[in-house]
Amino acid sequence: MYSGVKGKGVGRLYSKAFILFFTLGGVTGVMMSNAAIDLIIHDTYFILGHFHTILSIGTVIGIKIGIEIYNRYMIGYKRNEILKKIEFYIFLFGAILTFFPFHVLGLYAHPRRYVDYPVMYKK
């Protein structure tokens, strides 16, 4: 019986990263279900960070897991494990660096959309 990603390769690292990001997205979703907090963070960058954490990163990690599992069959040779781990950590660092500030901006109630900027920002 197949019980997930086998071995200690990069596919397992991507599986753990998927669980990490999906858990982070679930925790932020529970925060948004609280009516008192939702009044503050509604239509802020927090919503954007939550959405991209779950859907964008979760989808990309799922695709990368499939590529790592079937890569040897698709291209005919096995890639270097060290380079794959370097790629994984760069991806993980980049995903966190890209979407974590959205959560922070949203908690400071920075709005998602501006129709017009205040006059003091115009030259």
PDB file of N, CA and C in Angstrom:
ATOM      1  N   MET A   1       0.842  -1.184   0.000  1.00  0.00           N
ATOM      2  CA  MET A   1       0.000   0.000   0.000  1.00  0.00           C
ATOM      3  C   MET A   1       0.879   1.236   0.000  1.00  0.00           C
ATOM      4  N   TYR A   2       0.524   2.200  -0.818  1.00  0.00           N
ATOM      5  CA  TYR A   2       1.294   3.438  -0.925  1.00  0.00           C
ATOM      6  C   TYR A   2       0.912   4.373   0.212  1.00  0.00           C
ATOM      7  N   SER A   3       1.905   4.827   0.972  1.00  0.00           N
ATOM      8  CA  SER A   3       1.604   5.660   2.146  1.00  0.00           C
ATOM      9  C   SER A   3       2.282   7.014   2.063  1.00  0.00           C
ATOM     10  N   GLY A   4       2.329   7.604   0.893  1.00  0.00           N
ATOM     11  CA  GLY A   4       2.916   8.936   0.775  1.00  0.00           C
ATOM     12  C   GLY A   4       4.251   8.911   0.072  1.00  0.00           C
ATOM     13  N   VAL A   5       4.991   9.983   0.235  1.00  0.00           N
ATOM     14  CA  VAL A   5       6.272  10.128  -0.425  1.00  0.00           C
ATOM     15  C   VAL A   5       7.294   9.283   0.302  1.00  0.00           C
ATOM     16  N   LYS A   6       7.955   8.399  -0.411  1.00  0.00           N
ATOM     17  CA  LYS A   6       8.919   7.472   0.183  1.00  0.00           C
ATOM     18  C   LYS A   6      10.303   8.093   0.243  1.00  0.00           C
ATOM     19  N   GLY A   7      11.138   7.535   1.103  1.00  0.00           N
ATOM     20  CA  GLY A   7      12.542   7.923   1.168  1.00  0.00           C
ATOM     21  C   GLY A   7      12.779   9.215   1.912  1.00  0.00           C
ATOM     22  N   LYS A   8      14.030   9.670   1.834  1.00  0.00           N
ATOM     23  CA  LYS A   8      14.412  10.897   2.522  1.00  0.00           C
ATOM     24  C   LYS A   8      14.780  11.979   1.527  1.00  0.00           C
ATOM     25  N   GLY A   9      14.204  11.916   0.353  1.00  0.00           N
ATOM     26  CA  GLY A   9      14.550  12.857  -0.702  1.00  0.00           C
ATOM     27  C   GLY A   9      13.835  14.179  -0.570  1.00  0.00           C
ATOM     28  N   VAL A  10      13.918  14.931  -1.632  1.00  0.00           N
ATOM     29  CA  VAL A  10      13.355  16.271  -1.657  1.00  0.00           C
ATOM     30  C   VAL A  10      11.827  16.220  -1.697  1.00  0.00           C
ATOM     31  N   GLY A  11      11.263  15.172  -2.239  1.00  0.00           N
ATOM     32  CA  GLY A  11       9.806  15.036  -2.250  1.00  0.00           C
ATOM     33  C   GLY A  11       9.229  15.061  -0.848  1.00  0.00           C
ATOM     34  N   ARG A  12       9.934  14.445   0.098  1.00  0.00           N
ATOM     35  CA  ARG A  12       9.487  14.478   1.485  1.00  0.00           C
ATOM     36  C   ARG A  12       9.590  15.894   2.058  1.00  0.00           C
ATOM     37  N   LEU A  13      10.629  16.623   1.697  1.00  0.00           N
ATOM     38  CA  LEU A  13      10.761  18.005   2.156  1.00  0.00           C
ATOM     39  C   LEU A  13       9.621  18.864   1.621  1.00  0.00           C
ATOM     40  N   TYR A  14       9.285  18.671   0.332  1.00  0.00           N
ATOM     41  CA  TYR A  14       8.166  19.412  -0.238  1.00  0.00           C
ATOM     42  C   TYR A  14       6.848  19.030   0.440  1.00  0.00           C
ATOM     43  N   SER A  15       6.690  17.767   0.819  1.00  0.00           N
ATOM     44  CA  SER A  15       5.478  17.346   1.523  1.00  0.00           C
ATOM     45  C   SER A  15       5.364  18.039   2.875  1.00  0.00           C
ATOM     46  N   LYS A  16       6.482  18.132   3.585  1.00  0.00           N
ATOM     47  CA  LYS A  16       6.472  18.819   4.880  1.00  0.00           C
ATOM     48  C   LYS A  16       6.215  20.314   4.699  1.00  0.00           C
ATOM     49  N   ALA A  17       6.758  20.902   3.643  1.00  0.00           N
ATOM     50  CA  ALA A  17       6.515  22.322   3.377  1.00  0.00           C
ATOM     51  C   ALA A  17       5.048  22.551   3.046  1.00  0.00           C
ATOM     52  N   PHE A  18       4.436  21.621   2.303  1.00  0.00           N
ATOM     53  CA  PHE A  18       3.008  21.745   2.004  1.00  0.00           C
ATOM     54  C   PHE A  18       2.188  21.723   3.277  1.00  0.00           C
ATOM     55  N   ILE A  19       2.517  20.817   4.194  1.00  0.00           N
ATOM     56  CA  ILE A  19       1.804  20.748   5.471  1.00  0.00           C
ATOM     57  C   ILE A  19       2.009  22.035   6.261  1.00  0.00           C
ATOM     58  N   LEU A  20       3.223  22.577   6.249  1.00  0.00           N
ATOM     59  CA  LEU A  20       3.516  23.823   6.941  1.00  0.00           C
ATOM     60  C   LEU A  20       2.674  24.976   6.400  1.00  0.00           C
ATOM     61  N   PHE A  21       2.675  25.159   5.077  1.00  0.00           N
ATOM     62  CA  PHE A  21       1.931  26.267   4.480  1.00  0.00           C
ATOM     63  C   PHE A  21       0.432  26.075   4.608  1.00  0.00           C
ATOM     64  N   PHE A  22      -0.045  24.844   4.484  1.00  0.00           N
ATOM     65  CA  PHE A  22      -1.475  24.602   4.603  1.00  0.00           C
ATOM     66  C   PHE A  22      -1.938  24.819   6.040  1.00  0.00           C
ATOM     67  N   THR A  23      -1.093  24.457   7.013  1.00  0.00           N
ATOM     68  CA  THR A  23      -1.413  24.719   8.414  1.00  0.00           C
ATOM     69  C   THR A  23      -1.419  26.213   8.692  1.00  0.00           C
ATOM     70  N   LEU A  24      -0.433  26.932   8.168  1.00  0.00           N
ATOM     71  CA  LEU A  24      -0.401  28.386   8.330  1.00  0.00           C
ATOM     72  C   LEU A  24      -1.642  29.020   7.713  1.00  0.00           C
ATOM     73  N   GLY A  25      -2.028  28.556   6.548  1.00  0.00           N
ATOM     74  CA  GLY A  25      -3.239  29.065   5.923  1.00  0.00           C
ATOM     75  C   GLY A  25      -4.490  28.708   6.707  1.00  0.00           C
ATOM     76  N   GLY A  26      -4.515  27.523   7.305  1.00  0.00           N
ATOM     77  CA  GLY A  26      -5.660  27.135   8.129  1.00  0.00           C
ATOM     78  C   GLY A  26      -5.771  27.970   9.386  1.00  0.00           C
ATOM     79  N   VAL A  27      -4.646  28.265  10.013  1.00  0.00           N
ATOM     80  CA  VAL A  27      -4.665  29.096  11.218  1.00  0.00           C
ATOM     81  C   VAL A  27      -5.136  30.506  10.880  1.00  0.00           C
ATOM     82  N   THR A  28      -4.660  31.054   9.768  1.00  0.00           N
ATOM     83  CA  THR A  28      -5.120  32.385   9.385  1.00  0.00           C
ATOM     84  C   THR A  28      -6.592  32.354   8.980  1.00  0.00           C
ATOM     85  N   GLY A  29      -7.061  31.245   8.446  1.00  0.00           N
ATOM     86  CA  GLY A  29      -8.486  31.119   8.125  1.00  0.00           C
ATOM     87  C   GLY A  29      -9.347  31.099   9.369  1.00  0.00           C
ATOM     88  N   VAL A  30      -8.876  30.438  10.426  1.00  0.00           N
ATOM     89  CA  VAL A  30      -9.608  30.438  11.687  1.00  0.00           C
ATOM     90  C   VAL A  30      -9.644  31.851  12.259  1.00  0.00           C
ATOM     91  N   MET A  31      -8.539  32.594  12.111  1.00  0.00           N
ATOM     92  CA  MET A  31      -8.525  33.989  12.566  1.00  0.00           C
ATOM     93  C   MET A  31      -9.578  34.808  11.821  1.00  0.00           C
ATOM     94  N   MET A  32      -9.700  34.577  10.528  1.00  0.00           N
ATOM     95  CA  MET A  32     -10.663  35.352   9.738  1.00  0.00           C
ATOM     96  C   MET A  32     -12.105  34.956  10.040  1.00  0.00           C
ATOM     97  N   SER A  33     -12.328  33.783  10.612  1.00  0.00           N
ATOM     98  CA  SER A  33     -13.698  33.387  10.934  1.00  0.00           C
ATOM     99  C   SER A  33     -14.209  34.055  12.203  1.00  0.00           C
ATOM    100  N   ASN A  34     -13.313  34.649  12.984  1.00  0.00           N
ATOM    101  CA  ASN A  34     -13.729  35.395  14.172  1.00  0.00           C
ATOM    102  C   ASN A  34     -14.277  36.752  13.729  1.00  0.00           C
ATOM    103  N   ALA A  35     -15.520  37.037  14.100  1.00  0.00           N
ATOM    104  CA  ALA A  35     -16.187  38.243  13.605  1.00  0.00           C
ATOM    105  C   ALA A  35     -15.494  39.522  14.057  1.00  0.00           C
ATOM    106  N   ALA A  36     -14.975  39.544  15.283  1.00  0.00           N
ATOM    107  CA  ALA A  36     -14.330  40.756  15.784  1.00  0.00           C
ATOM    108  C   ALA A  36     -13.032  41.051  15.029  1.00  0.00           C
ATOM    109  N   ILE A  37     -12.274  40.023  14.748  1.00  0.00           N
ATOM    110  CA  ILE A  37     -11.018  40.218  14.015  1.00  0.00           C
ATOM    111  C   ILE A  37     -11.299  40.475  12.544  1.00  0.00           C
ATOM    112  N   ASP A  38     -12.349  39.836  12.010  1.00  0.00           N
ATOM    113  CA  ASP A  38     -12.664  40.009  10.597  1.00  0.00           C
ATOM    114  C   ASP A  38     -13.052  41.444  10.265  1.00  0.00           C
ATOM    115  N   LEU A  39     -13.649  42.152  11.207  1.00  0.00           N
ATOM    116  CA  LEU A  39     -13.965  43.562  10.968  1.00  0.00           C
ATOM    117  C   LEU A  39     -12.696  44.382  10.747  1.00  0.00           C
ATOM    118  N   ILE A  40     -11.623  44.016  11.442  1.00  0.00           N
ATOM    119  CA  ILE A  40     -10.370  44.762  11.338  1.00  0.00           C
ATOM    120  C   ILE A  40      -9.609  44.389  10.070  1.00  0.00           C
ATOM    121  N   ILE A  41      -9.538  43.092   9.781  1.00  0.00           N
ATOM    122  CA  ILE A  41      -8.673  42.644   8.680  1.00  0.00           C
ATOM    123  C   ILE A  41      -9.414  42.442   7.366  1.00  0.00           C
ATOM    124  N   HIS A  42     -10.721  42.713   7.348  1.00  0.00           N
ATOM    125  CA  HIS A  42     -11.472  42.555   6.098  1.00  0.00           C
ATOM    126  C   HIS A  42     -10.956  43.532   5.043  1.00  0.00           C
ATOM    127  N   ASP A  43     -10.728  43.024   3.848  1.00  0.00           N
ATOM    128  CA  ASP A  43     -10.254  43.803   2.710  1.00  0.00           C
ATOM    129  C   ASP A  43      -8.887  44.451   2.961  1.00  0.00           C
ATOM    130  N   THR A  44      -8.021  43.715   3.655  1.00  0.00           N
ATOM    131  CA  THR A  44      -6.647  44.159   3.864  1.00  0.00           C
ATOM    132  C   THR A  44      -5.702  43.165   3.197  1.00  0.00           C
ATOM    133  N   TYR A  45      -4.417  43.435   3.320  1.00  0.00           N
ATOM    134  CA  TYR A  45      -3.420  42.536   2.758  1.00  0.00           C
ATOM    135  C   TYR A  45      -3.381  41.189   3.469  1.00  0.00           C
ATOM    136  N   PHE A  46      -3.952  41.103   4.667  1.00  0.00           N
ATOM    137  CA  PHE A  46      -3.996  39.819   5.374  1.00  0.00           C
ATOM    138  C   PHE A  46      -4.780  38.793   4.567  1.00  0.00           C
ATOM    139  N   ILE A  47      -5.891  39.218   3.975  1.00  0.00           N
ATOM    140  CA  ILE A  47      -6.703  38.326   3.149  1.00  0.00           C
ATOM    141  C   ILE A  47      -5.896  37.860   1.939  1.00  0.00           C
ATOM    142  N   LEU A  48      -5.156  38.781   1.366  1.00  0.00           N
ATOM    143  CA  LEU A  48      -4.317  38.448   0.220  1.00  0.00           C
ATOM    144  C   LEU A  48      -3.228  37.439   0.598  1.00  0.00           C
ATOM    145  N   GLY A  49      -2.600  37.652   1.746  1.00  0.00           N
ATOM    146  CA  GLY A  49      -1.577  36.719   2.216  1.00  0.00           C
ATOM    147  C   GLY A  49      -2.147  35.345   2.501  1.00  0.00           C
ATOM    148  N   HIS A  50      -3.314  35.296   3.115  1.00  0.00           N
ATOM    149  CA  HIS A  50      -3.974  34.020   3.397  1.00  0.00           C
ATOM    150  C   HIS A  50      -4.298  33.276   2.106  1.00  0.00           C
ATOM    151  N   PHE A  51      -4.886  33.976   1.156  1.00  0.00           N
ATOM    152  CA  PHE A  51      -5.272  33.367  -0.117  1.00  0.00           C
ATOM    153  C   PHE A  51      -4.057  32.799  -0.854  1.00  0.00           C
ATOM    154  N   HIS A  52      -3.000  33.593  -0.945  1.00  0.00           N
ATOM    155  CA  HIS A  52      -1.828  33.134  -1.683  1.00  0.00           C
ATOM    156  C   HIS A  52      -1.058  32.060  -0.930  1.00  0.00           C
ATOM    157  N   THR A  53      -1.076  32.092   0.395  1.00  0.00           N
ATOM    158  CA  THR A  53      -0.409  31.042   1.158  1.00  0.00           C
ATOM    159  C   THR A  53      -1.048  29.691   0.881  1.00  0.00           C
ATOM    160  N   ILE A  54      -2.367  29.656   0.884  1.00  0.00           N
ATOM    161  CA  ILE A  54      -3.043  28.371   0.692  1.00  0.00           C
ATOM    162  C   ILE A  54      -3.048  27.956  -0.777  1.00  0.00           C
ATOM    163  N   LEU A  55      -3.571  28.805  -1.643  1.00  0.00           N
ATOM    164  CA  LEU A  55      -3.792  28.375  -3.021  1.00  0.00           C
ATOM    165  C   LEU A  55      -2.527  28.403  -3.868  1.00  0.00           C
ATOM    166  N   SER A  56      -1.837  29.505  -3.881  1.00  0.00           N
ATOM    167  CA  SER A  56      -0.684  29.607  -4.780  1.00  0.00           C
ATOM    168  C   SER A  56       0.451  28.686  -4.358  1.00  0.00           C
ATOM    169  N   ILE A  57       0.890  28.817  -3.123  1.00  0.00           N
ATOM    170  CA  ILE A  57       2.023  28.013  -2.674  1.00  0.00           C
ATOM    171  C   ILE A  57       1.636  26.543  -2.567  1.00  0.00           C
ATOM    172  N   GLY A  58       0.419  26.257  -2.095  1.00  0.00           N
ATOM    173  CA  GLY A  58      -0.021  24.867  -2.021  1.00  0.00           C
ATOM    174  C   GLY A  58      -0.054  24.194  -3.384  1.00  0.00           C
ATOM    175  N   THR A  59      -0.515  24.910  -4.389  1.00  0.00           N
ATOM    176  CA  THR A  59      -0.563  24.358  -5.742  1.00  0.00           C
ATOM    177  C   THR A  59       0.837  24.145  -6.309  1.00  0.00           C
ATOM    178  N   VAL A  60       1.691  25.124  -6.134  1.00  0.00           N
ATOM    179  CA  VAL A  60       3.052  25.012  -6.663  1.00  0.00           C
ATOM    180  C   VAL A  60       3.803  23.876  -5.974  1.00  0.00           C
ATOM    181  N   ILE A  61       3.628  23.727  -4.672  1.00  0.00           N
ATOM    182  CA  ILE A  61       4.297  22.632  -3.965  1.00  0.00           C
ATOM    183  C   ILE A  61       3.771  21.284  -4.447  1.00  0.00           C
ATOM    184  N   GLY A  62       2.463  21.183  -4.665  1.00  0.00           N
ATOM    185  CA  GLY A  62       1.914  19.930  -5.189  1.00  0.00           C
ATOM    186  C   GLY A  62       2.477  19.577  -6.557  1.00  0.00           C
ATOM    187  N   ILE A  63       2.622  20.567  -7.413  1.00  0.00           N
ATOM    188  CA  ILE A  63       3.205  20.336  -8.737  1.00  0.00           C
ATOM    189  C   ILE A  63       4.666  19.918  -8.599  1.00  0.00           C
ATOM    190  N   LYS A  64       5.396  20.577  -7.707  1.00  0.00           N
ATOM    191  CA  LYS A  64       6.812  20.245  -7.533  1.00  0.00           C
ATOM    192  C   LYS A  64       6.995  18.859  -6.929  1.00  0.00           C
ATOM    193  N   ILE A  65       6.077  18.419  -6.062  1.00  0.00           N
ATOM    194  CA  ILE A  65       6.150  17.050  -5.536  1.00  0.00           C
ATOM    195  C   ILE A  65       5.998  16.058  -6.680  1.00  0.00           C
ATOM    196  N   GLY A  66       5.030  16.295  -7.554  1.00  0.00           N
ATOM    197  CA  GLY A  66       4.852  15.410  -8.704  1.00  0.00           C
ATOM    198  C   GLY A  66       6.060  15.397  -9.615  1.00  0.00           C
ATOM    199  N   ILE A  67       6.655  16.548  -9.821  1.00  0.00           N
ATOM    200  CA  ILE A  67       7.851  16.615 -10.658  1.00  0.00           C
ATOM    201  C   ILE A  67       8.998  15.854 -10.012  1.00  0.00           C
ATOM    202  N   GLU A  68       9.176  16.003  -8.706  1.00  0.00           N
ATOM    203  CA  GLU A  68      10.271  15.311  -8.026  1.00  0.00           C
ATOM    204  C   GLU A  68      10.079  13.797  -8.041  1.00  0.00           C
ATOM    205  N   ILE A  69       8.833  13.343  -7.912  1.00  0.00           N
ATOM    206  CA  ILE A  69       8.593  11.896  -7.900  1.00  0.00           C
ATOM    207  C   ILE A  69       8.800  11.304  -9.287  1.00  0.00           C
ATOM    208  N   TYR A  70       8.293  11.975 -10.323  1.00  0.00           N
ATOM    209  CA  TYR A  70       8.316  11.402 -11.669  1.00  0.00           C
ATOM    210  C   TYR A  70       9.398  11.984 -12.565  1.00  0.00           C
ATOM    211  N   ASN A  71      10.282  12.785 -12.018  1.00  0.00           N
ATOM    212  CA  ASN A  71      11.309  13.444 -12.813  1.00  0.00           C
ATOM    213  C   ASN A  71      12.235  12.429 -13.489  1.00  0.00           C
ATOM    214  N   ARG A  72      12.608  11.397 -12.780  1.00  0.00           N
ATOM    215  CA  ARG A  72      13.514  10.401 -13.341  1.00  0.00           C
ATOM    216  C   ARG A  72      12.876   9.693 -14.532  1.00  0.00           C
ATOM    217  N   TYR A  73      11.574   9.494 -14.472  1.00  0.00           N
ATOM    218  CA  TYR A  73      10.883   8.825 -15.568  1.00  0.00           C
ATOM    219  C   TYR A  73      10.644   9.762 -16.752  1.00  0.00           C
ATOM    220  N   MET A  74      10.509  11.061 -16.461  1.00  0.00           N
ATOM    221  CA  MET A  74      10.224  12.016 -17.531  1.00  0.00           C
ATOM    222  C   MET A  74      11.479  12.388 -18.312  1.00  0.00           C
ATOM    223  N   ILE A  75      12.591  12.651 -17.623  1.00  0.00           N
ATOM    224  CA  ILE A  75      13.780  13.122 -18.329  1.00  0.00           C
ATOM    225  C   ILE A  75      14.852  12.060 -18.490  1.00  0.00           C
ATOM    226  N   GLY A  76      14.706  10.935 -17.811  1.00  0.00           N
ATOM    227  CA  GLY A  76      15.609   9.826 -18.050  1.00  0.00           C
ATOM    228  C   GLY A  76      16.820   9.732 -17.147  1.00  0.00           C
ATOM    229  N   TYR A  77      17.050  10.678 -16.292  1.00  0.00           N
ATOM    230  CA  TYR A  77      18.150  10.568 -15.333  1.00  0.00           C
ATOM    231  C   TYR A  77      17.757  11.226 -14.026  1.00  0.00           C
ATOM    232  N   LYS A  78      18.467  10.831 -12.974  1.00  0.00           N
ATOM    233  CA  LYS A  78      18.175  11.342 -11.652  1.00  0.00           C
ATOM    234  C   LYS A  78      18.993  12.601 -11.405  1.00  0.00           C
ATOM    235  N   ARG A  79      18.327  13.653 -10.934  1.00  0.00           N
ATOM    236  CA  ARG A  79      19.019  14.908 -10.647  1.00  0.00           C
ATOM    237  C   ARG A  79      19.826  14.797  -9.359  1.00  0.00           C
ATOM    238  N   ASN A  80      20.776  15.688  -9.203  1.00  0.00           N
ATOM    239  CA  ASN A  80      21.628  15.721  -8.029  1.00  0.00           C
ATOM    240  C   ASN A  80      20.810  16.124  -6.797  1.00  0.00           C
ATOM    241  N   GLU A  81      20.904  15.315  -5.723  1.00  0.00           N
ATOM    242  CA  GLU A  81      20.113  15.568  -4.515  1.00  0.00           C
ATOM    243  C   GLU A  81      20.507  16.877  -3.839  1.00  0.00           C
ATOM    244  N   ILE A  82      21.774  17.219  -3.844  1.00  0.00           N
ATOM    245  CA  ILE A  82      22.228  18.452  -3.196  1.00  0.00           C
ATOM    246  C   ILE A  82      21.646  19.670  -3.915  1.00  0.00           C
ATOM    247  N   LEU A  83      21.663  19.654  -5.240  1.00  0.00           N
ATOM    248  CA  LEU A  83      21.098  20.769  -5.992  1.00  0.00           C
ATOM    249  C   LEU A  83      19.589  20.867  -5.805  1.00  0.00           C
ATOM    250  N   LYS A  84      18.922  19.710  -5.683  1.00  0.00           N
ATOM    251  CA  LYS A  84      17.485  19.727  -5.448  1.00  0.00           C
ATOM    252  C   LYS A  84      17.164  20.304  -4.071  1.00  0.00           C
ATOM    253  N   LYS A  85      17.996  19.998  -3.079  1.00  0.00           N
ATOM    254  CA  LYS A  85      17.766  20.551  -1.741  1.00  0.00           C
ATOM    255  C   LYS A  85      18.039  22.048  -1.714  1.00  0.00           C
ATOM    256  N   ILE A  86      19.056  22.493  -2.441  1.00  0.00           N
ATOM    257  CA  ILE A  86      19.322  23.932  -2.541  1.00  0.00           C
ATOM    258  C   ILE A  86      18.140  24.633  -3.193  1.00  0.00           C
ATOM    259  N   GLU A  87      17.608  24.043  -4.260  1.00  0.00           N
ATOM    260  CA  GLU A  87      16.432  24.597  -4.922  1.00  0.00           C
ATOM    261  C   GLU A  87      15.238  24.657  -3.978  1.00  0.00           C
ATOM    262  N   PHE A  88      15.052  23.615  -3.178  1.00  0.00           N
ATOM    263  CA  PHE A  88      13.938  23.586  -2.231  1.00  0.00           C
ATOM    264  C   PHE A  88      14.062  24.703  -1.200  1.00  0.00           C
ATOM    265  N   TYR A  89      15.236  24.869  -0.622  1.00  0.00           N
ATOM    266  CA  TYR A  89      15.394  25.885   0.416  1.00  0.00           C
ATOM    267  C   TYR A  89      15.291  27.301  -0.159  1.00  0.00           C
ATOM    268  N   ILE A  90      15.752  27.511  -1.369  1.00  0.00           N
ATOM    269  CA  ILE A  90      15.565  28.818  -2.013  1.00  0.00           C
ATOM    270  C   ILE A  90      14.073  29.070  -2.253  1.00  0.00           C
ATOM    271  N   PHE A  91      13.355  28.043  -2.705  1.00  0.00           N
ATOM    272  CA  PHE A  91      11.918  28.166  -2.912  1.00  0.00           C
ATOM    273  C   PHE A  91      11.195  28.460  -1.602  1.00  0.00           C
ATOM    274  N   LEU A  92      11.536  27.723  -0.539  1.00  0.00           N
ATOM    275  CA  LEU A  92      10.890  27.912   0.751  1.00  0.00           C
ATOM    276  C   LEU A  92      11.159  29.311   1.302  1.00  0.00           C
ATOM    277  N   PHE A  93      12.401  29.747   1.252  1.00  0.00           N
ATOM    278  CA  PHE A  93      12.772  31.074   1.733  1.00  0.00           C
ATOM    279  C   PHE A  93      12.072  32.157   0.913  1.00  0.00           C
ATOM    280  N   GLY A  94      12.025  31.979  -0.397  1.00  0.00           N
ATOM    281  CA  GLY A  94      11.365  32.955  -1.255  1.00  0.00           C
ATOM    282  C   GLY A  94       9.869  33.035  -1.015  1.00  0.00           C
ATOM    283  N   ALA A  95       9.224  31.887  -0.787  1.00  0.00           N
ATOM    284  CA  ALA A  95       7.780  31.885  -0.534  1.00  0.00           C
ATOM    285  C   ALA A  95       7.461  32.574   0.789  1.00  0.00           C
ATOM    286  N   ILE A  96       8.246  32.290   1.806  1.00  0.00           N
ATOM    287  CA  ILE A  96       8.024  32.931   3.100  1.00  0.00           C
ATOM    288  C   ILE A  96       8.316  34.420   3.008  1.00  0.00           C
ATOM    289  N   LEU A  97       9.394  34.779   2.337  1.00  0.00           N
ATOM    290  CA  LEU A  97       9.769  36.188   2.204  1.00  0.00           C
ATOM    291  C   LEU A  97       8.757  36.967   1.362  1.00  0.00           C
ATOM    292  N   THR A  98       8.087  36.300   0.445  1.00  0.00           N
ATOM    293  CA  THR A  98       7.110  36.976  -0.408  1.00  0.00           C
ATOM    294  C   THR A  98       5.785  37.194   0.305  1.00  0.00           C
ATOM    295  N   PHE A  99       5.265  36.168   0.990  1.00  0.00           N
ATOM    296  CA  PHE A  99       3.896  36.238   1.492  1.00  0.00           C
ATOM    297  C   PHE A  99       3.766  36.530   2.971  1.00  0.00           C
ATOM    298  N   PHE A 100       4.804  36.402   3.776  1.00  0.00           N
ATOM    299  CA  PHE A 100       4.692  36.741   5.194  1.00  0.00           C
ATOM    300  C   PHE A 100       4.472  38.233   5.421  1.00  0.00           C
ATOM    301  N   PRO A 101       5.133  39.122   4.676  1.00  0.00           N
ATOM    302  CA  PRO A 101       4.844  40.553   4.876  1.00  0.00           C
ATOM    303  C   PRO A 101       3.397  40.936   4.597  1.00  0.00           C
ATOM    304  N   PHE A 102       2.699  40.174   3.748  1.00  0.00           N
ATOM    305  CA  PHE A 102       1.281  40.454   3.509  1.00  0.00           C
ATOM    306  C   PHE A 102       0.489  40.297   4.802  1.00  0.00           C
ATOM    307  N   HIS A 103       0.801  39.264   5.576  1.00  0.00           N
ATOM    308  CA  HIS A 103       0.103  39.056   6.842  1.00  0.00           C
ATOM    309  C   HIS A 103       0.389  40.207   7.811  1.00  0.00           C
ATOM    310  N   VAL A 104       1.628  40.632   7.861  1.00  0.00           N
ATOM    311  CA  VAL A 104       1.995  41.728   8.770  1.00  0.00           C
ATOM    312  C   VAL A 104       1.297  43.022   8.350  1.00  0.00           C
ATOM    313  N   LEU A 105       1.313  43.332   7.056  1.00  0.00           N
ATOM    314  CA  LEU A 105       0.626  44.531   6.579  1.00  0.00           C
ATOM    315  C   LEU A 105      -0.870  44.471   6.879  1.00  0.00           C
ATOM    316  N   GLY A 106      -1.458  43.299   6.721  1.00  0.00           N
ATOM    317  CA  GLY A 106      -2.881  43.160   7.001  1.00  0.00           C
ATOM    318  C   GLY A 106      -3.204  43.337   8.464  1.00  0.00           C
ATOM    319  N   LEU A 107      -2.328  42.860   9.346  1.00  0.00           N
ATOM    320  CA  LEU A 107      -2.571  43.056  10.774  1.00  0.00           C
ATOM    321  C   LEU A 107      -2.438  44.519  11.171  1.00  0.00           C
ATOM    322  N   TYR A 108      -1.692  45.304  10.386  1.00  0.00           N
ATOM    323  CA  TYR A 108      -1.642  46.745  10.602  1.00  0.00           C
ATOM    324  C   TYR A 108      -2.758  47.467   9.847  1.00  0.00           C
ATOM    325  N   ALA A 109      -3.728  46.702   9.316  1.00  0.00           N
ATOM    326  CA  ALA A 109      -4.919  47.214   8.627  1.00  0.00           C
ATOM    327  C   ALA A 109      -4.578  48.021   7.379  1.00  0.00           C
ATOM    328  N   HIS A 110      -3.570  47.604   6.646  1.00  0.00           N
ATOM    329  CA  HIS A 110      -3.233  48.250   5.382  1.00  0.00           C
ATOM    330  C   HIS A 110      -4.221  47.764   4.331  1.00  0.00           C
ATOM    331  N   PRO A 111      -4.986  48.655   3.709  1.00  0.00           N
ATOM    332  CA  PRO A 111      -6.037  48.213   2.773  1.00  0.00           C
ATOM    333  C   PRO A 111      -5.472  47.621   1.481  1.00  0.00           C
ATOM    334  N   ARG A 112      -6.262  46.737   0.889  1.00  0.00           N
ATOM    335  CA  ARG A 112      -5.857  46.080  -0.354  1.00  0.00           C
ATOM    336  C   ARG A 112      -5.946  46.999  -1.544  1.00  0.00           C
ATOM    337  N   ARG A 113      -6.990  47.755  -1.636  1.00  0.00           N
ATOM    338  CA  ARG A 113      -7.227  48.573  -2.825  1.00  0.00           C
ATOM    339  C   ARG A 113      -7.313  50.039  -2.444  1.00  0.00           C
ATOM    340  N   TYR A 114      -6.718  50.853  -3.266  1.00  0.00           N
ATOM    341  CA  TYR A 114      -6.863  52.302  -3.124  1.00  0.00           C
ATOM    342  C   TYR A 114      -7.592  52.825  -4.349  1.00  0.00           C
ATOM    343  N   VAL A 115      -8.663  53.556  -4.140  1.00  0.00           N
ATOM    344  CA  VAL A 115      -9.347  54.213  -5.241  1.00  0.00           C
ATOM    345  C   VAL A 115      -8.605  55.498  -5.575  1.00  0.00           C
ATOM    346  N   ASP A 116      -8.220  56.206  -4.521  1.00  0.00           N
ATOM    347  CA  ASP A 116      -7.526  57.471  -4.706  1.00  0.00           C
ATOM    348  C   ASP A 116      -6.608  57.679  -3.506  1.00  0.00           C
ATOM    349  N   TYR A 117      -5.452  58.248  -3.770  1.00  0.00           N
ATOM    350  CA  TYR A 117      -4.508  58.526  -2.697  1.00  0.00           C
ATOM    351  C   TYR A 117      -4.803  59.890  -2.098  1.00  0.00           C
ATOM    352  N   PRO A 118      -4.434  60.110  -0.845  1.00  0.00           N
ATOM    353  CA  PRO A 118      -4.605  61.441  -0.250  1.00  0.00           C
ATOM    354  C   PRO A 118      -3.776  62.482  -1.002  1.00  0.00           C
ATOM    355  N   VAL A 119      -4.177  63.738  -0.877  1.00  0.00           N
ATOM    356  CA  VAL A 119      -3.528  64.833  -1.600  1.00  0.00           C
ATOM    357  C   VAL A 119      -2.070  64.976  -1.192  1.00  0.00           C
ATOM    358  N   MET A 120      -1.745  64.637   0.049  1.00  0.00           N
ATOM    359  CA  MET A 120      -0.367  64.817   0.513  1.00  0.00           C
ATOM    360  C   MET A 120       0.620  63.895  -0.226  1.00  0.00           C
ATOM    361  N   TYR A 121       0.148  62.822  -0.875  1.00  0.00           N
ATOM    362  CA  TYR A 121       1.032  61.953  -1.631  1.00  0.00           C
ATOM    363  C   TYR A 121       1.233  62.404  -3.078  1.00  0.00           C
ATOM    364  N   LYS A 122       0.433  63.351  -3.527  1.00  0.00           N
ATOM    365  CA  LYS A 122       0.553  63.839  -4.904  1.00  0.00           C
ATOM    366  C   LYS A 122       1.566  64.957  -4.965  1.00  0.00           C
ATOM    367  N   LYS A 123       2.241  65.064  -6.091  1.00  0.00           N
ATOM    368  CA  LYS A 123       3.257  66.113  -6.251  1.00  0.00           C
ATOM    369  C   LYS A 123       2.660  67.348  -6.830  1.00  0.00           C
TER     370      LYS A 123
END
